[in-house]
C-alpha atoms as a PDB file:
ATOM      1  CA  MET A   1     -16.354 -12.759  30.611  1.00  0.00           C
ATOM      2  CA  ALA A   2     -13.143 -14.615  29.798  1.00  0.00           C
ATOM      3  CA  SER A   3     -14.784 -16.443  26.894  1.00  0.00           C
ATOM      4  CA  THR A   4     -15.939 -13.132  25.415  1.00  0.00           C
ATOM      5  CA  ILE A   5     -12.418 -11.706  25.608  1.00  0.00           C
ATOM      6  CA  PHE A   6     -11.047 -14.914  24.109  1.00  0.00           C
ATOM      7  CA  LEU A   7     -13.591 -14.729  21.278  1.00  0.00           C
ATOM      8  CA  ILE A   8     -12.757 -11.076  20.520  1.00  0.00           C
ATOM      9  CA  CYS A   9      -9.005 -11.724  20.577  1.00  0.00           C
ATOM     10  CA  GLY A  10      -9.426 -14.814  18.418  1.00  0.00           C
ATOM     11  CA  SER A  11     -11.504 -12.893  15.891  1.00  0.00           C
ATOM     12  CA  ALA A  12      -8.965 -10.078  15.757  1.00  0.00           C
ATOM     13  CA  LEU A  13      -6.133 -12.586  15.234  1.00  0.00           C
ATOM     14  CA  ALA A  14      -8.095 -14.276  12.456  1.00  0.00           C
ATOM     15  CA  VAL A  15      -8.686 -10.960  10.665  1.00  0.00           C
ATOM     16  CA  PHE A  16      -5.019  -9.956  10.919  1.00  0.00           C
ATOM     17  CA  GLY A  17      -4.003 -13.439   9.824  1.00  0.00           C
ATOM     18  CA  LEU A  18      -6.162 -13.163   6.710  1.00  0.00           C
ATOM     19  CA  LEU A  19      -4.762  -9.718   5.949  1.00  0.00           C
ATOM     20  CA  PHE A  20      -1.223 -11.048   6.377  1.00  0.00           C
ATOM     21  CA  LEU A  21      -1.940 -13.960   4.030  1.00  0.00           C
ATOM     22  CA  ALA A  22      -3.334 -11.551   1.439  1.00  0.00           C
ATOM     23  CA  LEU A  23      -0.167  -9.470   1.675  1.00  0.00           C
ATOM     24  CA  ALA A  24       2.034 -12.564   1.462  1.00  0.00           C
ATOM     25  CA  ARG A  25       0.150 -13.742  -1.624  1.00  0.00           C
ATOM     26  CA  ARG A  26       0.650 -10.368  -3.278  1.00  0.00           C
ATOM     27  CA  HIS A  27       4.292 -10.303  -2.269  1.00  0.00           C
ATOM     28  CA  ARG A  28       4.936 -13.724  -3.820  1.00  0.00           C
ATOM     29  CA  GLY A  29       3.836 -12.415  -7.222  1.00  0.00           C
ATOM     30  CA  ALA A  30       5.717  -9.149  -6.739  1.00  0.00           C
ATOM     31  CA  SER A  31       9.162 -10.282  -7.746  1.00  0.00           C
ATOM     32  CA  ASP A  32      10.100 -11.033 -11.318  1.00  0.00           C
ATOM     33  CA  PRO A  33      13.687 -12.350 -11.321  1.00  0.00           C
ATOM     34  CA  ALA A  34      13.998 -11.905 -15.075  1.00  0.00           C
ATOM     35  CA  SER A  35      13.578  -8.129 -14.966  1.00  0.00           C
ATOM     36  CA  ASP A  36      16.504  -5.825 -14.263  1.00  0.00           C
ATOM     37  CA  PRO A  37      15.595  -3.531 -11.351  1.00  0.00           C
ATOM     38  CA  LEU A  38      17.798  -0.710 -12.655  1.00  0.00           C
ATOM     39  CA  ASP A  39      15.957  -0.640 -15.984  1.00  0.00           C
ATOM     40  CA  TRP A  40      12.666  -0.369 -14.137  1.00  0.00           C
ATOM     41  CA  TRP A  41      14.002   2.397 -11.857  1.00  0.00           C
ATOM     42  CA  GLU A  42      14.384   4.879 -14.716  1.00  0.00           C
ATOM     43  CA  SER A  43      10.651   4.944 -15.416  1.00  0.00           C
ATOM     44  CA  PHE A  44       9.428   4.754 -11.812  1.00  0.00           C
ATOM     45  CA  SER A  45       7.615   7.578 -10.043  1.00  0.00           C
ATOM     46  CA  ALA A  46       5.766   7.311  -6.731  1.00  0.00           C
ATOM     47  CA  ALA A  47       3.458  10.058  -8.022  1.00  0.00           C
ATOM     48  CA  THR A  48       1.716   7.335 -10.067  1.00  0.00           C
ATOM     49  CA  TYR A  49      -0.092   6.353  -6.881  1.00  0.00           C
ATOM     50  CA  ALA A  50      -1.346   9.823  -5.935  1.00  0.00           C
ATOM     51  CA  PRO A  51      -4.941   9.114  -7.126  1.00  0.00           C
ATOM     52  CA  MET A  52      -5.257   6.486  -4.378  1.00  0.00           C
ATOM     53  CA  VAL A  53      -5.480   9.224  -1.783  1.00  0.00           C
ATOM     54  CA  ARG A  54      -8.895  10.343  -3.024  1.00  0.00           C
ATOM     55  CA  LEU A  55     -10.239   7.215  -4.676  1.00  0.00           C
ATOM     56  CA  LEU A  56     -12.342   6.012  -1.717  1.00  0.00           C
ATOM     57  CA  ASP A  57     -13.357   9.415  -0.415  1.00  0.00           C
ATOM     58  CA  ASN A  58     -16.795   9.292   1.214  1.00  0.00           C
ATOM     59  CA  ARG A  59     -17.645  12.791  -0.019  1.00  0.00           C
ATOM     60  CA  ASP A  60     -18.218  11.340  -3.493  1.00  0.00           C
ATOM     61  CA  TYR A  61     -20.951   9.067  -2.143  1.00  0.00           C
ATOM     62  CA  THR A  62     -22.524  11.959  -0.244  1.00  0.00           C
ATOM     63  CA  PHE A  63     -22.598  14.007  -3.440  1.00  0.00           C
ATOM     64  CA  LEU A  64     -24.019  11.065  -5.371  1.00  0.00           C
ATOM     65  CA  ALA A  65     -26.794  10.609  -2.789  1.00  0.00           C
ATOM     66  CA  SER A  66     -27.807  14.259  -3.182  1.00  0.00           C
ATOM     67  CA  GLN A  67     -28.428  13.864  -6.915  1.00  0.00           C
ATOM     68  CA  LYS A  68     -31.855  13.435  -8.444  1.00  0.00           C
ATOM     69  CA  GLY A  69     -32.619   9.820  -9.330  1.00  0.00           C
ATOM     70  CA  TYR A  70     -30.142   8.440  -6.825  1.00  0.00           C
ATOM     71  CA  GLN A  71     -30.556   4.786  -5.879  1.00  0.00           C
ATOM     72  CA  PRO A  72     -28.434   2.975  -3.269  1.00  0.00           C
ATOM     73  CA  ALA A  73     -27.542   0.328  -5.869  1.00  0.00           C
ATOM     74  CA  ILE A  74     -25.613   2.996  -7.759  1.00  0.00           C
ATOM     75  CA  ALA A  75     -23.475   3.754  -4.723  1.00  0.00           C
ATOM     76  CA  ARG A  76     -22.878   0.044  -4.051  1.00  0.00           C
ATOM     77  CA  ARG A  77     -21.750  -0.536  -7.633  1.00  0.00           C
ATOM     78  CA  LEU A  78     -19.507   2.529  -7.554  1.00  0.00           C
ATOM     79  CA  ARG A  79     -18.047   1.406  -4.208  1.00  0.00           C
ATOM     80  CA  ARG A  80     -17.257  -2.076  -5.600  1.00  0.00           C
ATOM     81  CA  GLN A  81     -15.654  -0.625  -8.715  1.00  0.00           C
ATOM     82  CA  ARG A  82     -13.558   1.887  -6.791  1.00  0.00           C
ATOM     83  CA  ILE A  83     -12.430  -0.733  -4.293  1.00  0.00           C
ATOM     84  CA  GLY A  84     -11.309  -2.876  -7.233  1.00  0.00           C
ATOM     85  CA  VAL A  85      -9.309  -0.001  -8.694  1.00  0.00           C
ATOM     86  CA  PHE A  86      -7.902   0.845  -5.267  1.00  0.00           C
ATOM     87  CA  GLN A  87      -6.861  -2.793  -4.707  1.00  0.00           C
ATOM     88  CA  SER A  88      -5.097  -2.775  -8.088  1.00  0.00           C
ATOM     89  CA  TYR A  89      -3.237   0.389  -7.144  1.00  0.00           C
ATOM     90  CA  LEU A  90      -2.314  -1.097  -3.765  1.00  0.00           C
ATOM     91  CA  GLY A  91      -1.025  -4.303  -5.353  1.00  0.00           C
ATOM     92  CA  GLY A  92       1.070  -2.237  -7.769  1.00  0.00           C
ATOM     93  CA  MET A  93       2.357  -0.133  -4.905  1.00  0.00           C
ATOM     94  CA  ILE A  94       3.478  -3.227  -2.996  1.00  0.00           C
ATOM     95  CA  ARG A  95       5.246  -4.615  -6.086  1.00  0.00           C
ATOM     96  CA  ASP A  96       6.914  -1.279  -6.757  1.00  0.00           C
ATOM     97  CA  PHE A  97       7.994  -0.947  -3.127  1.00  0.00           C
ATOM     98  CA  GLU A  98       9.733  -4.320  -3.331  1.00  0.00           C
ATOM     99  CA  ARG A  99      11.317  -3.439  -6.679  1.00  0.00           C
ATOM    100  CA  LEU A 100      12.505  -0.167  -5.231  1.00  0.00           C
ATOM    101  CA  MET A 101      14.023  -2.046  -2.300  1.00  0.00           C
ATOM    102  CA  LYS A 102      15.927  -4.204  -4.829  1.00  0.00           C
ATOM    103  CA  VAL A 103      17.160  -1.121  -6.658  1.00  0.00           C
ATOM    104  CA  ALA A 104      18.290   0.475  -3.401  1.00  0.00           C
ATOM    105  CA  ARG A 105      20.186  -2.690  -2.452  1.00  0.00           C
ATOM    106  CA  VAL A 106      21.919  -2.871  -5.824  1.00  0.00           C
ATOM    107  CA  ILE A 107      22.912   0.789  -5.686  1.00  0.00           C
ATOM    108  CA  ALA A 108      24.066   0.453  -2.063  1.00  0.00           C
ATOM    109  CA  VAL A 109      26.268  -2.526  -2.926  1.00  0.00           C
ATOM    110  CA  PHE A 110      28.074  -0.521  -5.592  1.00  0.00           C
ATOM    111  CA  ALA A 111      28.162   2.752  -3.654  1.00  0.00           C
ATOM    112  CA  HIS A 112      31.555   4.253  -2.871  1.00  0.00           C
ATOM    113  CA  GLU A 113      30.686   4.896   0.779  1.00  0.00           C
ATOM    114  CA  ASP A 114      29.601   2.406   3.417  1.00  0.00           C
ATOM    115  CA  GLN A 115      25.791   2.161   3.472  1.00  0.00           C
ATOM    116  CA  THR A 116      25.286  -0.094   6.518  1.00  0.00           C
ATOM    117  CA  HIS A 117      23.455   2.668   8.410  1.00  0.00           C
ATOM    118  CA  PHE A 118      21.104   2.945   5.488  1.00  0.00           C
ATOM    119  CA  THR A 119      20.153  -0.739   5.597  1.00  0.00           C
ATOM    120  CA  THR A 120      18.739  -0.393   9.115  1.00  0.00           C
ATOM    121  CA  GLU A 121      16.710   2.577   7.922  1.00  0.00           C
ATOM    122  CA  TRP A 122      15.351   0.474   5.024  1.00  0.00           C
ATOM    123  CA  SER A 123      14.298  -2.222   7.449  1.00  0.00           C
ATOM    124  CA  ALA A 124      12.350   0.255   9.580  1.00  0.00           C
ATOM    125  CA  LEU A 125      10.817   1.789   6.459  1.00  0.00           C
ATOM    126  CA  ARG A 126       9.710  -1.641   5.254  1.00  0.00           C
ATOM    127  CA  TRP A 127       8.001  -2.351   8.594  1.00  0.00           C
ATOM    128  CA  ARG A 128       6.216   1.022   8.501  1.00  0.00           C
ATOM    129  CA  PHE A 129       5.149   0.439   4.910  1.00  0.00           C
ATOM    130  CA  TYR A 130       3.652  -2.984   5.545  1.00  0.00           C
ATOM    131  CA  ALA A 131       2.016  -1.893   8.804  1.00  0.00           C
ATOM    132  CA  SER A 132       0.339   0.959   6.934  1.00  0.00           C
ATOM    133  CA  VAL A 133      -0.729  -1.414   4.142  1.00  0.00           C
ATOM    134  CA  ILE A 134      -2.358  -3.729   6.691  1.00  0.00           C
ATOM    135  CA  ALA A 135      -4.166  -0.754   8.235  1.00  0.00           C
ATOM    136  CA  VAL A 136      -5.362   0.356   4.789  1.00  0.00           C
ATOM    137  CA  GLU A 137      -6.548  -3.173   3.948  1.00  0.00           C
ATOM    138  CA  ALA A 138      -8.557  -3.317   7.183  1.00  0.00           C
ATOM    139  CA  ARG A 139     -10.167   0.038   6.402  1.00  0.00           C
ATOM    140  CA  VAL A 140     -10.937  -1.077   2.836  1.00  0.00           C
ATOM    141  CA  ALA A 141     -12.727  -4.122   4.260  1.00  0.00           C
ATOM    142  CA  LEU A 142     -14.852  -1.835   6.442  1.00  0.00           C
ATOM    143  CA  HIS A 143     -15.433   0.489   3.482  1.00  0.00           C
ATOM    144  CA  TRP A 144     -16.567  -2.501   1.407  1.00  0.00           C
ATOM    145  CA  LEU A 145     -19.128  -3.284   4.104  1.00  0.00           C
ATOM    146  CA  GLY A 146     -20.446   0.250   3.695  1.00  0.00           C
ATOM    147  CA  ILE A 147     -19.121   1.488   7.006  1.00  0.00           C
ATOM    148  CA  ALA A 148     -18.138   5.112   6.546  1.00  0.00           C
ATOM    149  CA  VAL A 149     -14.457   4.954   7.453  1.00  0.00           C
ATOM    150  CA  VAL A 150     -11.724   7.088   5.984  1.00  0.00           C
ATOM    151  CA  VAL A 151      -9.442   4.952   3.842  1.00  0.00           C
ATOM    152  CA  ASN A 152      -6.191   6.840   4.027  1.00  0.00           C
ATOM    153  CA  ALA A 153      -3.544   5.754   1.518  1.00  0.00           C
ATOM    154  CA  ARG A 154      -1.221   8.601   2.500  1.00  0.00           C
ATOM    155  CA  GLU A 155       0.943   6.494   4.853  1.00  0.00           C
ATOM    156  CA  PRO A 156       1.960   3.748   2.401  1.00  0.00           C
ATOM    157  CA  LEU A 157       2.393   6.400  -0.284  1.00  0.00           C
ATOM    158  CA  ALA A 158       4.616   8.462   2.022  1.00  0.00           C
ATOM    159  CA  SER A 159       6.750   5.388   2.770  1.00  0.00           C
ATOM    160  CA  LEU A 160       7.112   4.704  -0.943  1.00  0.00           C
ATOM    161  CA  GLN A 161       8.084   8.316  -1.582  1.00  0.00           C
ATOM    162  CA  ARG A 162      10.626   8.236   1.271  1.00  0.00           C
ATOM    163  CA  LEU A 163      12.213   5.112  -0.164  1.00  0.00           C
ATOM    164  CA  GLU A 164      12.304   6.690  -3.619  1.00  0.00           C
ATOM    165  CA  THR A 165      14.002   9.814  -2.222  1.00  0.00           C
ATOM    166  CA  ARG A 166      16.514   7.802  -0.188  1.00  0.00           C
ATOM    167  CA  THR A 167      17.357   5.662  -3.196  1.00  0.00           C
ATOM    168  CA  GLN A 168      17.897   8.733  -5.375  1.00  0.00           C
ATOM    169  CA  ARG A 169      20.331  10.070  -2.779  1.00  0.00           C
ATOM    170  CA  LEU A 170      22.414   6.912  -3.136  1.00  0.00           C
ATOM    171  CA  ILE A 171      23.101   7.603  -6.807  1.00  0.00           C
ATOM    172  CA  PRO A 172      26.461   9.361  -7.120  1.00  0.00           C
ATOM    173  CA  THR A 173      26.386  12.724  -8.848  1.00  0.00           C
ATOM    174  CA  ALA A 174      28.647  13.143 -11.855  1.00  0.00           C
END
């Protein structure tokens, strides 16, 4: 009994460890010190990531299976391709979240009012963002195995949008 619990806990820790390492690897490549975060900010929009919400929707596979000439290999290939696109979006989202954090810090440093209360909010937002990314990564792994789980990218997207909105509020109006 105890060995079974130990095995389950060990497996869960290993999975979360691998997910954490994947996030850390992505994060390492996320920062480009040569680029000016304020230049990037002008062209940023969290709406760029809206297609992620529907990209791994299981209804598409159900529709595909109902079509004449359907073969399971088609669904497997489509699943692999969509997971690849989704992973690219997720990697971009993580990079943009970190860039947006840099922009918010720069703006907060030069703000006329004290922004210390805002920094604690950013910290909590960062934790929520990365927790939701880990949850999404776990669901993508299950989706890749063909297990019909809902891969919901709404949470990391909502965190990114909240950070974008908060950062815009920091900019003084003329």
